[in-house]
Amino acid sequence: MKSNFLADTYFRISLDDCEPGKGRTVVMPLLGPSGTSRCIVLKPRLEQCSHEFSCYIIAHEFAHAHLHNGGWGEITDREDAADALAQHWGFPKQPFEWI
């Protein structure tokens, strides 16, 4: 998996810099050859969430990037696929935490 990300010039990790009333500036590369983004944008408020929830969200987003926002095996729904792969990696889905 490591080379899958490191060898891809379309892969990026960014922090969301949203400021209420001002908007955000997240620089993202053009879509890759697969026609999908492989960018992961994380929100700083993850620091305020439980460790388990934050790890799950990060693993879920890495799963999206790894799967090129597509399915996994027989799972065609991309959200279900990302959840299943994150769980396969040891990060089961967590209840959503409002902050």
N, C-alpha and C. Protein backbone atom coordinates (compact mmCIF):
# COMPACT_ATOMS: atom_id res chain seq x y z
N MET A 1 0.83 -1.19 0.00
CA MET A 1 0.00 0.00 0.00
C MET A 1 0.87 1.25 0.00
N LYS A 2 1.98 1.25 0.70
CA LYS A 2 2.81 2.45 0.80
C LYS A 2 3.20 2.98 -0.57
N SER A 3 3.66 2.11 -1.46
CA SER A 3 4.07 2.58 -2.78
C SER A 3 2.88 3.09 -3.58
N ASN A 4 1.70 2.57 -3.29
CA ASN A 4 0.48 3.03 -3.96
C ASN A 4 0.31 4.54 -3.76
N PHE A 5 0.59 5.05 -2.59
CA PHE A 5 0.46 6.47 -2.31
C PHE A 5 1.71 7.24 -2.71
N LEU A 6 2.86 6.76 -2.31
CA LEU A 6 4.09 7.52 -2.52
C LEU A 6 4.46 7.68 -3.98
N ALA A 7 4.09 6.75 -4.81
CA ALA A 7 4.42 6.83 -6.23
C ALA A 7 3.42 7.65 -7.03
N ASP A 8 2.33 8.06 -6.41
CA ASP A 8 1.27 8.76 -7.11
C ASP A 8 1.38 10.27 -6.89
N THR A 9 1.73 11.01 -7.94
CA THR A 9 1.87 12.46 -7.82
C THR A 9 0.53 13.15 -7.60
N TYR A 10 -0.58 12.45 -7.76
CA TYR A 10 -1.91 13.02 -7.54
C TYR A 10 -2.37 12.87 -6.09
N PHE A 11 -1.62 12.15 -5.28
CA PHE A 11 -1.99 11.92 -3.89
C PHE A 11 -1.50 13.08 -3.02
N ARG A 12 -2.39 13.61 -2.19
CA ARG A 12 -2.06 14.69 -1.27
C ARG A 12 -2.83 14.52 0.04
N ILE A 13 -2.24 15.03 1.12
CA ILE A 13 -2.93 15.15 2.39
C ILE A 13 -2.87 16.62 2.77
N SER A 14 -4.02 17.19 3.10
CA SER A 14 -4.08 18.60 3.48
C SER A 14 -4.96 18.75 4.71
N LEU A 15 -4.73 19.86 5.42
CA LEU A 15 -5.62 20.22 6.51
C LEU A 15 -6.59 21.27 6.00
N ASP A 16 -7.85 21.10 6.32
CA ASP A 16 -8.88 22.07 5.96
C ASP A 16 -8.60 23.35 6.73
N ASP A 17 -8.55 24.47 6.03
CA ASP A 17 -8.27 25.74 6.69
C ASP A 17 -9.48 26.67 6.64
N CYS A 18 -10.65 26.11 6.77
CA CYS A 18 -11.89 26.89 6.68
C CYS A 18 -11.97 27.91 7.82
N GLU A 19 -12.25 29.16 7.43
CA GLU A 19 -12.50 30.22 8.40
C GLU A 19 -13.91 30.74 8.17
N PRO A 20 -14.77 30.66 9.19
CA PRO A 20 -16.14 31.14 9.02
C PRO A 20 -16.16 32.57 8.49
N GLY A 21 -16.95 32.78 7.46
CA GLY A 21 -17.07 34.09 6.85
C GLY A 21 -16.00 34.42 5.83
N LYS A 22 -14.94 33.60 5.77
CA LYS A 22 -13.85 33.85 4.83
C LYS A 22 -13.72 32.75 3.78
N GLY A 23 -14.14 31.55 4.12
CA GLY A 23 -14.01 30.43 3.19
C GLY A 23 -12.78 29.59 3.48
N ARG A 24 -12.31 28.88 2.46
CA ARG A 24 -11.16 27.98 2.64
C ARG A 24 -10.26 28.05 1.44
N THR A 25 -9.02 27.63 1.66
CA THR A 25 -8.05 27.54 0.57
C THR A 25 -7.34 26.20 0.71
N VAL A 26 -7.81 25.19 0.01
CA VAL A 26 -7.16 23.89 0.01
C VAL A 26 -6.69 23.64 -1.41
N VAL A 27 -5.38 23.56 -1.59
CA VAL A 27 -4.83 23.34 -2.93
C VAL A 27 -4.88 21.85 -3.24
N MET A 28 -5.52 21.53 -4.36
CA MET A 28 -5.66 20.14 -4.77
C MET A 28 -5.15 20.00 -6.20
N PRO A 29 -4.46 18.90 -6.50
CA PRO A 29 -4.02 18.69 -7.87
C PRO A 29 -5.21 18.34 -8.77
N LEU A 30 -4.97 18.37 -10.05
CA LEU A 30 -6.00 17.96 -11.01
C LEU A 30 -6.37 16.51 -10.76
N LEU A 31 -7.51 16.10 -11.30
CA LEU A 31 -7.92 14.71 -11.18
C LEU A 31 -6.89 13.80 -11.82
N GLY A 32 -6.70 12.64 -11.24
CA GLY A 32 -5.73 11.68 -11.76
C GLY A 32 -6.26 10.95 -12.98
N PRO A 33 -5.44 10.05 -13.51
CA PRO A 33 -5.83 9.29 -14.70
C PRO A 33 -7.13 8.50 -14.53
N SER A 34 -7.44 8.12 -13.29
CA SER A 34 -8.68 7.38 -13.05
C SER A 34 -9.90 8.31 -13.07
N GLY A 35 -9.66 9.62 -13.16
CA GLY A 35 -10.76 10.57 -13.17
C GLY A 35 -11.27 10.92 -11.78
N THR A 36 -10.54 10.50 -10.75
CA THR A 36 -10.95 10.79 -9.37
C THR A 36 -9.83 11.49 -8.63
N SER A 37 -10.19 12.12 -7.53
CA SER A 37 -9.22 12.78 -6.67
C SER A 37 -8.64 11.76 -5.71
N ARG A 38 -7.38 11.93 -5.39
CA ARG A 38 -6.78 11.08 -4.35
C ARG A 38 -6.30 11.96 -3.21
N CYS A 39 -7.00 13.06 -3.00
CA CYS A 39 -6.64 13.98 -1.93
C CYS A 39 -7.41 13.66 -0.66
N ILE A 40 -6.72 13.76 0.44
CA ILE A 40 -7.33 13.60 1.75
C ILE A 40 -7.28 14.96 2.41
N VAL A 41 -8.43 15.48 2.79
CA VAL A 41 -8.50 16.77 3.49
C VAL A 41 -9.07 16.49 4.87
N LEU A 42 -8.26 16.75 5.89
CA LEU A 42 -8.67 16.47 7.26
C LEU A 42 -9.03 17.77 7.97
N LYS A 43 -10.03 17.71 8.79
CA LYS A 43 -10.47 18.89 9.54
C LYS A 43 -9.72 18.96 10.88
N PRO A 44 -9.24 20.14 11.24
CA PRO A 44 -8.52 20.29 12.51
C PRO A 44 -9.34 19.86 13.73
N ARG A 45 -10.68 19.91 13.62
CA ARG A 45 -11.50 19.55 14.78
C ARG A 45 -11.39 18.06 15.14
N LEU A 46 -10.74 17.26 14.30
CA LEU A 46 -10.50 15.86 14.68
C LEU A 46 -9.71 15.77 15.98
N GLU A 47 -8.93 16.81 16.28
CA GLU A 47 -8.17 16.84 17.54
C GLU A 47 -9.09 16.82 18.75
N GLN A 48 -10.31 17.29 18.57
CA GLN A 48 -11.27 17.37 19.67
C GLN A 48 -12.11 16.10 19.81
N CYS A 49 -11.97 15.19 18.86
CA CYS A 49 -12.74 13.94 18.88
C CYS A 49 -12.00 12.87 19.67
N SER A 50 -12.70 11.80 19.97
CA SER A 50 -12.04 10.69 20.64
C SER A 50 -10.98 10.09 19.73
N HIS A 51 -10.01 9.45 20.33
CA HIS A 51 -8.93 8.83 19.57
C HIS A 51 -9.48 7.80 18.59
N GLU A 52 -10.43 6.98 19.03
CA GLU A 52 -10.99 5.94 18.19
C GLU A 52 -11.70 6.53 16.97
N PHE A 53 -12.50 7.59 17.19
CA PHE A 53 -13.23 8.21 16.09
C PHE A 53 -12.26 8.85 15.10
N SER A 54 -11.27 9.56 15.61
CA SER A 54 -10.28 10.22 14.73
C SER A 54 -9.53 9.18 13.89
N CYS A 55 -9.11 8.10 14.50
CA CYS A 55 -8.40 7.05 13.75
C CYS A 55 -9.29 6.44 12.68
N TYR A 56 -10.56 6.20 13.03
CA TYR A 56 -11.49 5.65 12.05
C TYR A 56 -11.66 6.61 10.86
N ILE A 57 -11.87 7.90 11.12
CA ILE A 57 -12.06 8.87 10.05
C ILE A 57 -10.83 8.92 9.15
N ILE A 58 -9.65 8.96 9.74
CA ILE A 58 -8.42 9.02 8.95
C ILE A 58 -8.26 7.75 8.11
N ALA A 59 -8.51 6.58 8.71
CA ALA A 59 -8.42 5.32 7.96
C ALA A 59 -9.47 5.28 6.85
N HIS A 60 -10.68 5.76 7.12
CA HIS A 60 -11.75 5.79 6.12
C HIS A 60 -11.32 6.67 4.94
N GLU A 61 -10.74 7.81 5.21
CA GLU A 61 -10.31 8.70 4.12
C GLU A 61 -9.13 8.11 3.34
N PHE A 62 -8.20 7.46 4.03
CA PHE A 62 -7.11 6.77 3.32
C PHE A 62 -7.67 5.64 2.46
N ALA A 63 -8.70 4.97 2.96
CA ALA A 63 -9.33 3.89 2.18
C ALA A 63 -9.93 4.45 0.89
N HIS A 64 -10.61 5.59 0.98
CA HIS A 64 -11.13 6.23 -0.24
C HIS A 64 -10.00 6.47 -1.23
N ALA A 65 -8.90 7.04 -0.76
CA ALA A 65 -7.78 7.34 -1.65
C ALA A 65 -7.18 6.06 -2.23
N HIS A 66 -7.04 5.05 -1.39
CA HIS A 66 -6.47 3.78 -1.84
C HIS A 66 -7.35 3.14 -2.92
N LEU A 67 -8.66 3.26 -2.74
CA LEU A 67 -9.61 2.66 -3.68
C LEU A 67 -9.95 3.58 -4.85
N HIS A 68 -9.27 4.72 -4.93
CA HIS A 68 -9.57 5.71 -5.98
C HIS A 68 -11.06 6.07 -5.96
N ASN A 69 -11.61 6.19 -4.74
CA ASN A 69 -13.01 6.53 -4.53
C ASN A 69 -13.97 5.55 -5.20
N GLY A 70 -13.58 4.30 -5.27
CA GLY A 70 -14.42 3.28 -5.88
C GLY A 70 -14.78 2.19 -4.89
N GLY A 71 -15.22 1.08 -5.42
CA GLY A 71 -15.62 -0.05 -4.59
C GLY A 71 -14.44 -0.90 -4.16
N TRP A 72 -14.76 -1.91 -3.36
CA TRP A 72 -13.74 -2.85 -2.88
C TRP A 72 -14.33 -4.25 -2.94
N GLY A 73 -13.74 -5.08 -3.78
CA GLY A 73 -14.28 -6.42 -3.96
C GLY A 73 -15.69 -6.34 -4.49
N GLU A 74 -16.61 -6.99 -3.80
CA GLU A 74 -18.00 -6.98 -4.24
C GLU A 74 -18.79 -5.80 -3.69
N ILE A 75 -18.15 -4.95 -2.90
CA ILE A 75 -18.83 -3.78 -2.33
C ILE A 75 -18.71 -2.64 -3.33
N THR A 76 -19.84 -2.24 -3.90
CA THR A 76 -19.81 -1.21 -4.94
C THR A 76 -20.05 0.20 -4.41
N ASP A 77 -20.75 0.33 -3.29
CA ASP A 77 -20.96 1.65 -2.71
C ASP A 77 -19.64 2.14 -2.12
N ARG A 78 -19.19 3.32 -2.55
CA ARG A 78 -17.85 3.76 -2.16
C ARG A 78 -17.73 4.08 -0.67
N GLU A 79 -18.81 4.52 -0.02
CA GLU A 79 -18.75 4.77 1.43
C GLU A 79 -18.67 3.45 2.19
N ASP A 80 -19.48 2.47 1.78
CA ASP A 80 -19.42 1.15 2.41
C ASP A 80 -18.07 0.50 2.17
N ALA A 81 -17.51 0.68 0.97
CA ALA A 81 -16.20 0.11 0.65
C ALA A 81 -15.11 0.72 1.52
N ALA A 82 -15.15 2.05 1.70
CA ALA A 82 -14.15 2.70 2.55
C ALA A 82 -14.28 2.23 4.00
N ASP A 83 -15.52 2.08 4.48
CA ASP A 83 -15.72 1.56 5.84
C ASP A 83 -15.18 0.14 5.97
N ALA A 84 -15.47 -0.70 4.98
CA ALA A 84 -15.04 -2.10 5.04
C ALA A 84 -13.52 -2.20 5.00
N LEU A 85 -12.86 -1.40 4.15
CA LEU A 85 -11.40 -1.46 4.08
C LEU A 85 -10.78 -0.91 5.36
N ALA A 86 -11.33 0.18 5.89
CA ALA A 86 -10.82 0.72 7.16
C ALA A 86 -10.95 -0.34 8.26
N GLN A 87 -12.07 -1.04 8.29
CA GLN A 87 -12.24 -2.10 9.28
C GLN A 87 -11.23 -3.22 9.05
N HIS A 88 -11.00 -3.58 7.79
CA HIS A 88 -10.01 -4.60 7.45
C HIS A 88 -8.62 -4.21 7.97
N TRP A 89 -8.33 -2.93 7.95
CA TRP A 89 -7.05 -2.41 8.45
C TRP A 89 -7.02 -2.31 9.97
N GLY A 90 -8.16 -2.57 10.64
CA GLY A 90 -8.20 -2.53 12.09
C GLY A 90 -8.86 -1.31 12.69
N PHE A 91 -9.59 -0.55 11.87
CA PHE A 91 -10.26 0.66 12.34
C PHE A 91 -11.76 0.57 12.05
N PRO A 92 -12.51 -0.08 12.94
CA PRO A 92 -13.95 -0.26 12.71
C PRO A 92 -14.69 1.08 12.76
N LYS A 93 -15.83 1.11 12.07
CA LYS A 93 -16.67 2.31 12.02
C LYS A 93 -17.07 2.72 13.43
N GLN A 94 -17.01 4.00 13.68
CA GLN A 94 -17.35 4.56 14.98
C GLN A 94 -18.59 5.44 14.85
N PRO A 95 -19.35 5.57 15.93
CA PRO A 95 -20.49 6.48 15.89
C PRO A 95 -20.00 7.91 15.66
N PHE A 96 -20.76 8.65 14.87
CA PHE A 96 -20.38 10.02 14.55
C PHE A 96 -20.34 10.88 15.79
N GLU A 97 -19.35 11.74 15.90
CA GLU A 97 -19.21 12.64 17.05
C GLU A 97 -19.42 14.08 16.58
N TRP A 98 -20.43 14.72 17.10
CA TRP A 98 -20.66 16.14 16.81
C TRP A 98 -19.77 16.96 17.71
N ILE A 99 -19.20 17.98 17.14
CA ILE A 99 -18.33 18.86 17.94
C ILE A 99 -18.89 20.27 17.91
